[in-house]
Amino acid sequence: MTDIRTTIADTRFDVRVCGLLLDGERFVVSTEEDGTRTLPGGAVKIGETTEAAVIREFYEETNLQVQPRCLLAIIENHFELKQQRHQQIIFVYELTKSKEDQILQKEAVLAQWQPLTEIVHLKPTGLKQLLGSSETPLHIINKEGTIA
């Protein structure tokens, strides 16, 4: 299956998912090769539901088997990277573990448990709005960098 990803005019567009897996006062964070810290996730594939995508992507990055509990947020993420404009629609799910496993590094990302207070340091920066919000799903618009 092909990722939902295309270029329109001068903007790279894709549909993504990520998952928030909590364990007390900690959660799973992925650190990308370039040092970017975010929630584990990735691109949705053509014909795939966002729930199926978050299960697949979370497993690919962490080796943890999870199930979506609820949709926490939809993020409109606008940013510039390496002089390329990007626009993403990101579905953020709260997850529960469906099996007790250890995190294993399976891709080129480092997945690890972090204190919940570290959520403020994640990309996109709009993820910090998930803390303390009882309203779901949130609609977050995140604009970073030099987007006009």
Protein backbone atom coordinates (compact mmCIF):
# COMPACT_ATOMS: atom_id res chain seq x y z
CA MET A 1 0.00 0.00 0.00
CA THR A 2 1.10 3.55 -0.74
CA ASP A 3 1.33 6.31 1.87
CA ILE A 4 -1.12 9.21 1.61
CA ARG A 5 1.56 11.68 0.62
CA THR A 6 1.81 14.09 -2.32
CA THR A 7 3.21 17.44 -3.40
CA ILE A 8 0.78 20.19 -4.35
CA ALA A 9 2.37 23.32 -5.83
CA ASP A 10 5.32 23.97 -3.49
CA THR A 11 3.89 22.15 -0.46
CA ARG A 12 4.42 18.56 0.66
CA PHE A 13 1.11 17.18 2.03
CA ASP A 14 0.50 14.01 4.03
CA VAL A 15 -1.94 12.37 6.42
CA ARG A 16 -0.37 10.97 9.58
CA VAL A 17 -1.23 9.31 12.87
CA CYS A 18 0.47 9.19 16.24
CA GLY A 19 -0.32 7.62 19.57
CA LEU A 20 -0.13 8.67 23.19
CA LEU A 21 0.53 5.63 25.37
CA LEU A 22 0.45 6.52 29.06
CA ASP A 23 1.76 4.49 31.99
CA GLY A 24 1.19 6.47 35.15
CA GLU A 25 3.21 9.68 34.85
CA ARG A 26 5.18 8.60 31.78
CA PHE A 27 4.56 8.14 28.06
CA VAL A 28 6.36 6.74 25.01
CA VAL A 29 8.43 9.17 22.93
CA SER A 30 10.14 8.59 19.58
CA THR A 31 13.37 10.39 18.77
CA GLU A 32 13.99 10.65 15.03
CA GLU A 33 17.43 10.45 13.39
CA ASP A 34 17.64 14.27 13.27
CA GLY A 35 16.90 14.54 17.02
CA THR A 36 13.23 15.53 16.64
CA ARG A 37 11.16 14.15 19.51
CA THR A 38 7.54 13.23 18.85
CA LEU A 39 4.88 10.63 19.59
CA PRO A 40 5.34 7.32 17.76
CA GLY A 41 3.45 7.23 14.48
CA GLY A 42 3.70 7.76 10.77
CA ALA A 43 1.90 7.97 7.46
CA VAL A 44 -1.54 6.54 6.80
CA LYS A 45 -1.68 4.29 3.73
CA ILE A 46 -4.27 4.45 0.93
CA GLY A 47 -7.30 2.39 2.01
CA GLU A 48 -6.16 2.18 5.65
CA THR A 49 -8.17 3.59 8.55
CA THR A 50 -6.40 5.94 10.94
CA GLU A 51 -7.01 3.45 13.78
CA ALA A 52 -5.34 0.63 11.83
CA ALA A 53 -2.49 2.99 10.90
CA VAL A 54 -1.74 3.98 14.50
CA ILE A 55 -1.69 0.32 15.59
CA ARG A 56 0.69 -0.57 12.73
CA GLU A 57 2.96 2.47 13.08
CA PHE A 58 3.21 2.22 16.86
CA TYR A 59 4.21 -1.43 16.59
CA GLU A 60 6.75 -0.70 13.83
CA GLU A 61 8.47 1.95 15.97
CA THR A 62 8.19 0.42 19.45
CA ASN A 63 7.36 -3.30 19.22
CA LEU A 64 4.38 -2.59 21.52
CA GLN A 65 0.96 -3.96 20.64
CA VAL A 66 -1.67 -1.30 21.30
CA GLN A 67 -5.33 -0.52 20.75
CA PRO A 68 -6.83 2.94 20.23
CA ARG A 69 -8.87 4.09 23.24
CA CYS A 70 -10.09 7.39 21.80
CA LEU A 71 -9.27 10.10 19.29
CA LEU A 72 -7.58 12.89 21.29
CA ALA A 73 -6.93 15.46 18.60
CA ILE A 74 -6.72 16.35 14.96
CA ILE A 75 -3.75 18.60 14.24
CA GLU A 76 -3.32 20.80 11.19
CA ASN A 77 0.47 20.99 11.14
CA HIS A 78 2.21 23.59 8.94
CA PHE A 79 6.00 23.87 8.93
CA GLU A 80 9.04 24.35 6.77
CA LEU A 81 11.87 21.82 6.67
CA LYS A 82 14.98 22.12 4.48
CA GLN A 83 13.34 24.96 2.52
CA GLN A 84 10.30 22.77 1.77
CA ARG A 85 6.81 23.69 2.97
CA HIS A 86 4.87 20.90 4.65
CA GLN A 87 1.23 20.55 5.60
CA GLN A 88 0.03 17.56 7.57
CA ILE A 89 -3.25 16.38 8.98
CA ILE A 90 -2.38 14.35 12.09
CA PHE A 91 -4.82 12.10 13.97
CA VAL A 92 -3.67 11.69 17.59
CA TYR A 93 -5.03 8.70 19.52
CA GLU A 94 -4.83 7.76 23.17
CA LEU A 95 -3.71 4.14 23.26
CA THR A 96 -3.85 1.20 25.63
CA LYS A 97 -1.44 -1.74 25.61
CA SER A 98 -3.06 -4.93 24.36
CA LYS A 99 -0.10 -7.06 25.43
CA GLU A 100 2.67 -6.58 28.00
CA ASP A 101 5.87 -6.16 25.98
CA GLN A 102 9.13 -4.26 26.21
CA ILE A 103 9.98 -1.41 23.87
CA LEU A 104 12.39 -2.58 21.18
CA GLN A 105 14.03 -0.34 18.61
CA LYS A 106 12.69 -1.58 15.27
CA GLU A 107 13.22 1.36 12.92
CA ALA A 108 15.64 4.27 12.68
CA VAL A 109 13.94 5.93 15.65
CA LEU A 110 14.67 5.55 19.34
CA ALA A 111 11.49 4.87 21.33
CA GLN A 112 11.57 5.20 25.11
CA TRP A 113 9.46 6.02 28.15
CA GLN A 114 9.70 9.66 29.27
CA PRO A 115 8.14 11.64 32.14
CA LEU A 116 4.81 13.17 31.11
CA THR A 117 6.24 16.65 31.73
CA GLU A 118 8.44 16.14 28.63
CA ILE A 119 5.41 16.42 26.33
CA VAL A 120 6.05 20.17 26.12
CA HIS A 121 9.28 19.47 24.19
CA LEU A 122 7.66 17.43 21.40
CA LYS A 123 6.98 18.29 17.77
CA PRO A 124 4.57 19.45 16.65
CA THR A 125 4.49 21.94 19.50
CA GLY A 126 0.69 21.76 19.56
CA LEU A 127 0.91 18.36 21.28
CA LYS A 128 1.38 20.10 24.65
CA GLN A 129 -2.28 21.17 24.44
CA LEU A 130 -3.20 17.52 25.12
CA LEU A 131 -2.18 17.93 28.76
CA GLY A 132 -4.98 19.02 31.02
CA SER A 133 -7.65 19.09 28.33
CA SER A 134 -10.84 17.19 29.09
CA GLU A 135 -12.35 18.08 25.73
CA THR A 136 -11.75 15.53 22.99
CA PRO A 137 -11.13 15.49 20.20
CA LEU A 138 -9.20 18.75 20.17
CA HIS A 139 -8.70 20.63 16.93
CA ILE A 140 -5.18 22.07 17.01
CA ILE A 141 -3.69 24.36 14.37
CA ASN A 142 0.09 24.43 14.57
CA LYS A 143 2.13 26.84 12.42
CA GLU A 144 5.90 26.81 12.80
CA GLY A 145 8.80 28.43 10.99
CA THR A 146 8.53 30.86 8.13
CA ILE A 147 5.18 29.83 6.66
CA ALA A 148 3.48 32.91 5.17
